[in-house]
Amino acid sequence: MLRLIILAQILITVLYLGKFGLVVVFGSASMLLLMYLWVTRHSLKREHSKLKWEDMPWLYDGIARMANKAGIGMPYVYILDDYIPNAYSFGNSIVLSLGLFEVLDREQILGVAAHEIGHIKNGDTLIFPIIAYGRYFMLFLAGAISLIVHSTIAVLASLGLYMLYEIERLKFLKEREFKADETALYLLDRPFSLKEALEELKYYEDLRINVRASALPGIEPNIERKQKKSFMDTHPSYDERIWRILAEIEGAMFRDTLK
């Protein structure tokens, strides 16, 4: 659906702007590609330290075991020097903040890591950035049409496509979070550890208020104070995810009883 929306936006741009529209399309795409490559090269900072087996054998071996079960190579694991409990993934890498080790036990941290492995397994670490930059691409094209084209129909259609992209993007990202949780339940020796990790992290959501929202796949939902639900949230709430995890576990237990 998202690809069709982008294609429709490109078609409108070329239809109303002609050759200049092609310049706008390829210029915007090239600029965003260069931006993506720059961000990718600078994803790691001084606060990230690469995990070695001798640092935490239990974590390294646990991630290696789950990665093997998922059918992917051993991901790079980085520890982020940050007191806020957080985790995310990019490329073939997982980042776990020091804050996680303050509030979660070993099984729960492996549950968080399993969620990130789920993102890598499902290709989200490639898909998420493309979708994030896709919204800027849509916005650039809509802006060009709004500024240059003197057709109300074209402007409304372009802006409508941009809004539709935003709606579909949010729906898609939330479903991918649920899918990463489902994958994690399959990878974990003790599926309830992910549910318990999410329940613990709920107590620390106030620390995330001023954390910048990221396009990277991560464990934490973007939660505002007093559990206000934002239309622009890309993550399901903790409660939604916990409910889905319970339903998945109970469903699996029921299917096992029928065998």
C-alpha atoms as a PDB file:
ATOM      1  CA  MET A   1       0.000   0.000   0.000  1.00  0.00           C
ATOM      2  CA  LEU A   2       2.786   2.430   0.913  1.00  0.00           C
ATOM      3  CA  ARG A   3       4.545   1.808  -2.400  1.00  0.00           C
ATOM      4  CA  LEU A   4       1.356   2.506  -4.325  1.00  0.00           C
ATOM      5  CA  ILE A   5       0.902   5.802  -2.482  1.00  0.00           C
ATOM      6  CA  ILE A   6       4.460   6.868  -3.319  1.00  0.00           C
ATOM      7  CA  LEU A   7       4.003   5.898  -6.962  1.00  0.00           C
ATOM      8  CA  ALA A   8       0.789   7.920  -7.120  1.00  0.00           C
ATOM      9  CA  GLN A   9       2.590  10.949  -5.662  1.00  0.00           C
ATOM     10  CA  ILE A  10       5.390  10.603  -8.220  1.00  0.00           C
ATOM     11  CA  LEU A  11       2.843  10.301 -11.012  1.00  0.00           C
ATOM     12  CA  ILE A  12       1.072  13.509  -9.964  1.00  0.00           C
ATOM     13  CA  THR A  13       4.412  15.323  -9.698  1.00  0.00           C
ATOM     14  CA  VAL A  14       5.536  14.282 -13.173  1.00  0.00           C
ATOM     15  CA  LEU A  15       2.094  14.817 -14.682  1.00  0.00           C
ATOM     16  CA  TYR A  16       1.800  18.425 -13.485  1.00  0.00           C
ATOM     17  CA  LEU A  17       5.463  19.484 -13.461  1.00  0.00           C
ATOM     18  CA  GLY A  18       6.731  17.590 -16.500  1.00  0.00           C
ATOM     19  CA  LYS A  19      10.515  17.399 -16.841  1.00  0.00           C
ATOM     20  CA  PHE A  20      10.968  19.630 -13.830  1.00  0.00           C
ATOM     21  CA  GLY A  21       8.908  17.112 -11.886  1.00  0.00           C
ATOM     22  CA  LEU A  22      11.455  14.418 -12.785  1.00  0.00           C
ATOM     23  CA  VAL A  23      14.208  16.690 -11.500  1.00  0.00           C
ATOM     24  CA  VAL A  24      12.308  17.180  -8.235  1.00  0.00           C
ATOM     25  CA  VAL A  25      11.706  13.429  -7.862  1.00  0.00           C
ATOM     26  CA  PHE A  26      15.275  12.331  -8.544  1.00  0.00           C
ATOM     27  CA  GLY A  27      16.772  15.304  -6.667  1.00  0.00           C
ATOM     28  CA  SER A  28      14.718  14.588  -3.546  1.00  0.00           C
ATOM     29  CA  ALA A  29      15.454  10.864  -3.720  1.00  0.00           C
ATOM     30  CA  SER A  30      19.191  11.471  -4.143  1.00  0.00           C
ATOM     31  CA  MET A  31      19.325  13.930  -1.248  1.00  0.00           C
ATOM     32  CA  LEU A  32      17.491  11.543   1.059  1.00  0.00           C
ATOM     33  CA  LEU A  33      19.756   8.660  -0.005  1.00  0.00           C
ATOM     34  CA  LEU A  34      22.842  10.695   0.875  1.00  0.00           C
ATOM     35  CA  MET A  35      21.253  11.637   4.203  1.00  0.00           C
ATOM     36  CA  TYR A  36      20.487   7.967   4.909  1.00  0.00           C
ATOM     37  CA  LEU A  37      24.067   6.919   4.131  1.00  0.00           C
ATOM     38  CA  TRP A  38      25.451   9.663   6.380  1.00  0.00           C
ATOM     39  CA  VAL A  39      23.174   8.707   9.273  1.00  0.00           C
ATOM     40  CA  THR A  40      24.062   5.030   8.817  1.00  0.00           C
ATOM     41  CA  ARG A  41      27.780   5.782   8.982  1.00  0.00           C
ATOM     42  CA  HIS A  42      27.308   7.822  12.153  1.00  0.00           C
ATOM     43  CA  SER A  43      24.887   5.511  13.973  1.00  0.00           C
ATOM     44  CA  LEU A  44      27.480   4.607  16.578  1.00  0.00           C
ATOM     45  CA  LYS A  45      28.925   7.198  18.932  1.00  0.00           C
ATOM     46  CA  ARG A  46      31.384   7.268  21.802  1.00  0.00           C
ATOM     47  CA  GLU A  47      28.608   6.187  24.158  1.00  0.00           C
ATOM     48  CA  HIS A  48      28.361   2.818  22.375  1.00  0.00           C
ATOM     49  CA  SER A  49      30.705   0.013  23.387  1.00  0.00           C
ATOM     50  CA  LYS A  50      30.771  -3.308  21.541  1.00  0.00           C
ATOM     51  CA  LEU A  51      29.867  -6.295  23.691  1.00  0.00           C
ATOM     52  CA  LYS A  52      32.478  -9.047  23.939  1.00  0.00           C
ATOM     53  CA  TRP A  53      31.842 -12.556  25.195  1.00  0.00           C
ATOM     54  CA  GLU A  54      34.022 -12.038  28.260  1.00  0.00           C
ATOM     55  CA  ASP A  55      32.003  -8.943  29.237  1.00  0.00           C
ATOM     56  CA  MET A  56      28.715 -10.806  29.756  1.00  0.00           C
ATOM     57  CA  PRO A  57      28.872 -14.453  28.624  1.00  0.00           C
ATOM     58  CA  TRP A  58      25.239 -15.067  29.566  1.00  0.00           C
ATOM     59  CA  LEU A  59      24.027 -12.229  27.318  1.00  0.00           C
ATOM     60  CA  TYR A  60      26.365 -12.978  24.422  1.00  0.00           C
ATOM     61  CA  ASP A  61      25.540 -16.705  24.447  1.00  0.00           C
ATOM     62  CA  GLY A  62      21.816 -16.032  24.847  1.00  0.00           C
ATOM     63  CA  ILE A  63      21.724 -13.700  21.851  1.00  0.00           C
ATOM     64  CA  ALA A  64      23.855 -16.109  19.805  1.00  0.00           C
ATOM     65  CA  ARG A  65      21.459 -18.961  20.613  1.00  0.00           C
ATOM     66  CA  MET A  66      18.374 -16.947  19.640  1.00  0.00           C
ATOM     67  CA  ALA A  67      20.010 -15.620  16.462  1.00  0.00           C
ATOM     68  CA  ASN A  68      20.837 -19.183  15.441  1.00  0.00           C
ATOM     69  CA  LYS A  69      17.239 -20.231  16.100  1.00  0.00           C
ATOM     70  CA  ALA A  70      16.021 -17.269  14.012  1.00  0.00           C
ATOM     71  CA  GLY A  71      18.290 -18.313  11.148  1.00  0.00           C
ATOM     72  CA  ILE A  72      20.335 -15.096  11.096  1.00  0.00           C
ATOM     73  CA  GLY A  73      23.993 -14.378  11.750  1.00  0.00           C
ATOM     74  CA  MET A  74      25.161 -13.337  15.186  1.00  0.00           C
ATOM     75  CA  PRO A  75      24.244  -9.644  15.468  1.00  0.00           C
ATOM     76  CA  TYR A  76      26.684  -7.059  16.741  1.00  0.00           C
ATOM     77  CA  VAL A  77      25.672  -6.078  20.259  1.00  0.00           C
ATOM     78  CA  TYR A  78      26.428  -2.633  21.661  1.00  0.00           C
ATOM     79  CA  ILE A  79      25.963  -1.335  25.183  1.00  0.00           C
ATOM     80  CA  LEU A  80      24.807   2.284  25.279  1.00  0.00           C
ATOM     81  CA  ASP A  81      26.069   4.425  28.152  1.00  0.00           C
ATOM     82  CA  ASP A  82      22.657   5.819  29.052  1.00  0.00           C
ATOM     83  CA  TYR A  83      20.716   5.446  32.293  1.00  0.00           C
ATOM     84  CA  ILE A  84      17.341   5.455  30.485  1.00  0.00           C
ATOM     85  CA  PRO A  85      16.127   1.874  29.833  1.00  0.00           C
ATOM     86  CA  ASN A  86      16.069   1.546  26.062  1.00  0.00           C
ATOM     87  CA  ALA A  87      16.860  -0.842  23.225  1.00  0.00           C
ATOM     88  CA  TYR A  88      16.830  -0.618  19.452  1.00  0.00           C
ATOM     89  CA  SER A  89      18.284  -2.286  16.393  1.00  0.00           C
ATOM     90  CA  PHE A  90      19.773  -1.201  13.088  1.00  0.00           C
ATOM     91  CA  GLY A  91      21.342  -3.200  10.277  1.00  0.00           C
ATOM     92  CA  ASN A  92      22.598  -6.365  11.948  1.00  0.00           C
ATOM     93  CA  SER A  93      23.169  -4.670  15.292  1.00  0.00           C
ATOM     94  CA  ILE A  94      21.382  -4.507  18.635  1.00  0.00           C
ATOM     95  CA  VAL A  95      21.808  -1.687  21.151  1.00  0.00           C
ATOM     96  CA  LEU A  96      20.969  -2.151  24.826  1.00  0.00           C
ATOM     97  CA  SER A  97      21.264   0.752  27.251  1.00  0.00           C
ATOM     98  CA  LEU A  98      22.856   0.418  30.671  1.00  0.00           C
ATOM     99  CA  GLY A  99      19.534   1.499  32.126  1.00  0.00           C
ATOM    100  CA  LEU A 100      18.033  -1.847  31.147  1.00  0.00           C
ATOM    101  CA  PHE A 101      20.505  -3.670  33.382  1.00  0.00           C
ATOM    102  CA  GLU A 102      19.407  -1.530  36.320  1.00  0.00           C
ATOM    103  CA  VAL A 103      15.711  -2.408  36.100  1.00  0.00           C
ATOM    104  CA  LEU A 104      15.520  -5.847  34.446  1.00  0.00           C
ATOM    105  CA  ASP A 105      16.882  -9.260  35.352  1.00  0.00           C
ATOM    106  CA  ARG A 106      18.792 -11.464  32.915  1.00  0.00           C
ATOM    107  CA  GLU A 107      15.771 -13.310  31.535  1.00  0.00           C
ATOM    108  CA  GLN A 108      13.934 -10.045  30.931  1.00  0.00           C
ATOM    109  CA  ILE A 109      16.941  -8.500  29.154  1.00  0.00           C
ATOM    110  CA  LEU A 110      17.067 -11.550  26.896  1.00  0.00           C
ATOM    111  CA  GLY A 111      13.380 -10.947  26.236  1.00  0.00           C
ATOM    112  CA  VAL A 112      14.164  -7.407  25.119  1.00  0.00           C
ATOM    113  CA  ALA A 113      17.033  -8.688  22.964  1.00  0.00           C
ATOM    114  CA  ALA A 114      14.701 -11.284  21.417  1.00  0.00           C
ATOM    115  CA  HIS A 115      12.361  -8.482  20.316  1.00  0.00           C
ATOM    116  CA  GLU A 116      15.254  -6.736  18.559  1.00  0.00           C
ATOM    117  CA  ILE A 117      16.369  -9.992  16.952  1.00  0.00           C
ATOM    118  CA  GLY A 118      12.788 -10.286  15.740  1.00  0.00           C
ATOM    119  CA  HIS A 119      13.143  -6.913  13.998  1.00  0.00           C
ATOM    120  CA  ILE A 120      16.363  -8.043  12.315  1.00  0.00           C
ATOM    121  CA  LYS A 121      14.859 -11.405  11.328  1.00  0.00           C
ATOM    122  CA  ASN A 122      11.791  -9.718   9.835  1.00  0.00           C
ATOM    123  CA  GLY A 123      13.842  -7.189   7.857  1.00  0.00           C
ATOM    124  CA  ASP A 124      12.584  -4.206   9.843  1.00  0.00           C
ATOM    125  CA  THR A 125      16.040  -2.695  10.266  1.00  0.00           C
ATOM    126  CA  LEU A 126      16.036  -2.126   6.507  1.00  0.00           C
ATOM    127  CA  ILE A 127      12.333  -1.379   6.075  1.00  0.00           C
ATOM    128  CA  PHE A 128      11.933   1.134   8.908  1.00  0.00           C
ATOM    129  CA  PRO A 129      14.495   3.687   7.661  1.00  0.00           C
ATOM    130  CA  ILE A 130      13.124   3.444   4.111  1.00  0.00           C
ATOM    131  CA  ILE A 131       9.615   4.178   5.381  1.00  0.00           C
ATOM    132  CA  ALA A 132      10.903   7.011   7.576  1.00  0.00           C
ATOM    133  CA  TYR A 133      12.688   8.691   4.672  1.00  0.00           C
ATOM    134  CA  GLY A 134       9.701   7.923   2.455  1.00  0.00           C
ATOM    135  CA  ARG A 135       7.586  10.350   4.471  1.00  0.00           C
ATOM    136  CA  TYR A 136      10.109  13.139   3.812  1.00  0.00           C
ATOM    137  CA  PHE A 137      10.077  12.231   0.134  1.00  0.00           C
ATOM    138  CA  MET A 138       6.283  12.475   0.096  1.00  0.00           C
ATOM    139  CA  LEU A 139       6.447  15.804   1.921  1.00  0.00           C
ATOM    140  CA  PHE A 140       8.997  17.253  -0.527  1.00  0.00           C
ATOM    141  CA  LEU A 141       6.848  16.320  -3.513  1.00  0.00           C
ATOM    142  CA  ALA A 142       3.685  17.632  -1.885  1.00  0.00           C
ATOM    143  CA  GLY A 143       5.485  20.891  -1.074  1.00  0.00           C
ATOM    144  CA  ALA A 144       6.738  21.285  -4.649  1.00  0.00           C
ATOM    145  CA  ILE A 145       3.259  20.769  -6.069  1.00  0.00           C
ATOM    146  CA  SER A 146       1.687  23.140  -3.536  1.00  0.00           C
ATOM    147  CA  LEU A 147       4.194  25.906  -4.343  1.00  0.00           C
ATOM    148  CA  ILE A 148       4.375  25.559  -8.115  1.00  0.00           C
ATOM    149  CA  VAL A 149       1.192  23.992  -9.445  1.00  0.00           C
ATOM    150  CA  HIS A 150      -1.867  26.255  -9.726  1.00  0.00           C
ATOM    151  CA  SER A 151      -4.361  23.406  -9.748  1.00  0.00           C
ATOM    152  CA  THR A 152      -6.436  23.024  -6.598  1.00  0.00           C
ATOM    153  CA  ILE A 153      -7.235  19.430  -7.498  1.00  0.00           C
ATOM    154  CA  ALA A 154      -3.530  18.554  -7.846  1.00  0.00           C
ATOM    155  CA  VAL A 155      -2.615  20.247  -4.575  1.00  0.00           C
ATOM    156  CA  LEU A 156      -5.440  18.573  -2.652  1.00  0.00           C
ATOM    157  CA  ALA A 157      -4.634  15.187  -4.206  1.00  0.00           C
ATOM    158  CA  SER A 158      -0.950  15.514  -3.327  1.00  0.00           C
ATOM    159  CA  LEU A 159      -1.616  16.588   0.252  1.00  0.00           C
ATOM    160  CA  GLY A 160      -4.220  13.842   0.564  1.00  0.00           C
ATOM    161  CA  LEU A 161      -1.690  11.244  -0.557  1.00  0.00           C
ATOM    162  CA  TYR A 162       0.789  12.534   2.005  1.00  0.00           C
ATOM    163  CA  MET A 163      -1.786  12.227   4.799  1.00  0.00           C
ATOM    164  CA  LEU A 164      -2.751   8.759   3.586  1.00  0.00           C
ATOM    165  CA  TYR A 165       0.929   7.768   3.644  1.00  0.00           C
ATOM    166  CA  GLU A 166       1.201   8.941   7.256  1.00  0.00           C
ATOM    167  CA  ILE A 167      -1.857   6.915   8.290  1.00  0.00           C
ATOM    168  CA  GLU A 168      -0.661   3.766   6.537  1.00  0.00           C
ATOM    169  CA  ARG A 169       2.882   4.259   7.850  1.00  0.00           C
ATOM    170  CA  LEU A 170       1.720   4.356  11.460  1.00  0.00           C
ATOM    171  CA  LYS A 171      -0.470   1.287  10.995  1.00  0.00           C
ATOM    172  CA  PHE A 172       2.365  -0.608   9.322  1.00  0.00           C
ATOM    173  CA  LEU A 173       4.954   0.228  11.991  1.00  0.00           C
ATOM    174  CA  LYS A 174       2.664  -0.835  14.814  1.00  0.00           C
ATOM    175  CA  GLU A 175       1.962  -4.168  13.136  1.00  0.00           C
ATOM    176  CA  ARG A 176       5.703  -4.734  12.711  1.00  0.00           C
ATOM    177  CA  GLU A 177       6.160  -4.197  16.457  1.00  0.00           C
ATOM    178  CA  PHE A 178       3.566  -6.872  17.155  1.00  0.00           C
ATOM    179  CA  LYS A 179       5.274  -9.169  14.656  1.00  0.00           C
ATOM    180  CA  ALA A 180       8.662  -8.642  16.346  1.00  0.00           C
ATOM    181  CA  ASP A 181       7.047  -9.631  19.652  1.00  0.00           C
ATOM    182  CA  GLU A 182       5.598 -12.779  18.052  1.00  0.00           C
ATOM    183  CA  THR A 183       9.013 -13.708  16.691  1.00  0.00           C
ATOM    184  CA  ALA A 184      10.572 -13.087  20.111  1.00  0.00           C
ATOM    185  CA  LEU A 185       8.115 -15.476  21.787  1.00  0.00           C
ATOM    186  CA  TYR A 186       9.241 -18.213  19.395  1.00  0.00           C
ATOM    187  CA  LEU A 187      12.922 -17.516  20.095  1.00  0.00           C
ATOM    188  CA  LEU A 188      12.746 -17.356  23.888  1.00  0.00           C
ATOM    189  CA  ASP A 189      13.090 -20.409  26.096  1.00  0.00           C
ATOM    190  CA  ARG A 190      10.737 -18.634  28.488  1.00  0.00           C
ATOM    191  CA  PRO A 191       8.282 -16.465  26.491  1.00  0.00           C
ATOM    192  CA  PHE A 192       6.869 -14.795  29.622  1.00  0.00           C
ATOM    193  CA  SER A 193      10.190 -12.977  30.103  1.00  0.00           C
ATOM    194  CA  LEU A 194       9.264 -10.472  27.357  1.00  0.00           C
ATOM    195  CA  LYS A 195       5.899  -9.772  29.007  1.00  0.00           C
ATOM    196  CA  GLU A 196       7.604  -9.274  32.369  1.00  0.00           C
ATOM    197  CA  ALA A 197      10.179  -6.950  30.797  1.00  0.00           C
ATOM    198  CA  LEU A 198       7.437  -4.764  29.328  1.00  0.00           C
ATOM    199  CA  GLU A 199       5.626  -4.655  32.673  1.00  0.00           C
ATOM    200  CA  GLU A 200       8.814  -3.507  34.407  1.00  0.00           C
ATOM    201  CA  LEU A 201       9.553  -0.885  31.761  1.00  0.00           C
ATOM    202  CA  LYS A 202       6.111   0.650  32.248  1.00  0.00           C
ATOM    203  CA  TYR A 203       7.310   1.973  35.615  1.00  0.00           C
ATOM    204  CA  TYR A 204      10.086   3.948  33.943  1.00  0.00           C
ATOM    205  CA  GLU A 205       8.159   5.584  31.124  1.00  0.00           C
ATOM    206  CA  ASP A 206       8.446   9.060  32.666  1.00  0.00           C
ATOM    207  CA  LEU A 207      12.185   8.956  31.946  1.00  0.00           C
ATOM    208  CA  ARG A 208      11.393   8.736  28.228  1.00  0.00           C
ATOM    209  CA  ILE A 209       9.399  11.970  28.011  1.00  0.00           C
ATOM    210  CA  ASN A 210      12.274  14.021  26.643  1.00  0.00           C
ATOM    211  CA  VAL A 211      13.865  11.237  24.573  1.00  0.00           C
ATOM    212  CA  ARG A 212      13.734  12.035  20.865  1.00  0.00           C
ATOM    213  CA  ALA A 213      11.538   9.689  18.815  1.00  0.00           C
ATOM    214  CA  SER A 214      13.618   7.509  16.487  1.00  0.00           C
ATOM    215  CA  ALA A 215      12.988   5.832  13.160  1.00  0.00           C
ATOM    216  CA  LEU A 216      14.939   2.821  14.345  1.00  0.00           C
ATOM    217  CA  PRO A 217      13.122  -0.321  15.444  1.00  0.00           C
ATOM    218  CA  GLY A 218      13.083  -0.369  19.231  1.00  0.00           C
ATOM    219  CA  ILE A 219      11.571  -1.911  22.320  1.00  0.00           C
ATOM    220  CA  GLU A 220       9.990   1.211  23.764  1.00  0.00           C
ATOM    221  CA  PRO A 221       6.739   2.859  22.678  1.00  0.00           C
ATOM    222  CA  ASN A 222       6.632   6.641  22.431  1.00  0.00           C
ATOM    223  CA  ILE A 223       4.606   7.284  25.550  1.00  0.00           C
ATOM    224  CA  GLU A 224       3.586  10.668  26.886  1.00  0.00           C
ATOM    225  CA  ARG A 225       2.897  11.519  30.513  1.00  0.00           C
ATOM    226  CA  LYS A 226      -0.381  10.240  31.990  1.00  0.00           C
ATOM    227  CA  GLN A 227      -0.683   7.638  29.221  1.00  0.00           C
ATOM    228  CA  LYS A 228      -1.967  10.135  26.671  1.00  0.00           C
ATOM    229  CA  LYS A 229      -2.431   8.413  23.332  1.00  0.00           C
ATOM    230  CA  SER A 230      -0.990  10.297  20.385  1.00  0.00           C
ATOM    231  CA  PHE A 231      -2.224   9.861  16.835  1.00  0.00           C
ATOM    232  CA  MET A 232       1.416   9.956  15.695  1.00  0.00           C
ATOM    233  CA  ASP A 233       2.624   7.094  17.922  1.00  0.00           C
ATOM    234  CA  THR A 234       4.570   4.531  15.895  1.00  0.00           C
ATOM    235  CA  HIS A 235       4.676   1.986  18.727  1.00  0.00           C
ATOM    236  CA  PRO A 236       1.738   0.201  20.332  1.00  0.00           C
ATOM    237  CA  SER A 237       1.368   0.895  24.042  1.00  0.00           C
ATOM    238  CA  TYR A 238       2.844  -1.462  26.609  1.00  0.00           C
ATOM    239  CA  ASP A 239      -0.663  -2.631  27.527  1.00  0.00           C
ATOM    240  CA  GLU A 240      -1.497  -3.469  23.915  1.00  0.00           C
ATOM    241  CA  ARG A 241       1.687  -5.459  23.505  1.00  0.00           C
ATOM    242  CA  ILE A 242       1.301  -7.279  26.826  1.00  0.00           C
ATOM    243  CA  TRP A 243      -2.265  -8.233  25.919  1.00  0.00           C
ATOM    244  CA  ARG A 244      -1.154  -9.562  22.516  1.00  0.00           C
ATOM    245  CA  ILE A 245       1.711 -11.513  24.102  1.00  0.00           C
ATOM    246  CA  LEU A 246      -0.657 -13.136  26.597  1.00  0.00           C
ATOM    247  CA  ALA A 247      -3.043 -14.027  23.776  1.00  0.00           C
ATOM    248  CA  GLU A 248      -0.203 -15.554  21.746  1.00  0.00           C
ATOM    249  CA  ILE A 249       1.116 -17.609  24.673  1.00  0.00           C
ATOM    250  CA  GLU A 250      -2.313 -18.859  25.688  1.00  0.00           C
ATOM    251  CA  GLY A 251      -3.137 -19.650  22.067  1.00  0.00           C
ATOM    252  CA  ALA A 252       0.066 -21.646  21.720  1.00  0.00           C
ATOM    253  CA  MET A 253      -0.672 -23.535  24.949  1.00  0.00           C
ATOM    254  CA  PHE A 254      -4.178 -24.340  23.717  1.00  0.00           C
ATOM    255  CA  ARG A 255      -2.853 -25.613  20.379  1.00  0.00           C
ATOM    256  CA  ASP A 256      -0.370 -27.820  22.240  1.00  0.00           C
ATOM    257  CA  THR A 257      -3.200 -29.417  24.220  1.00  0.00           C
ATOM    258  CA  LEU A 258      -4.935 -30.345  20.947  1.00  0.00           C
ATOM    259  CA  LYS A 259      -1.926 -32.222  19.607  1.00  0.00           C
END
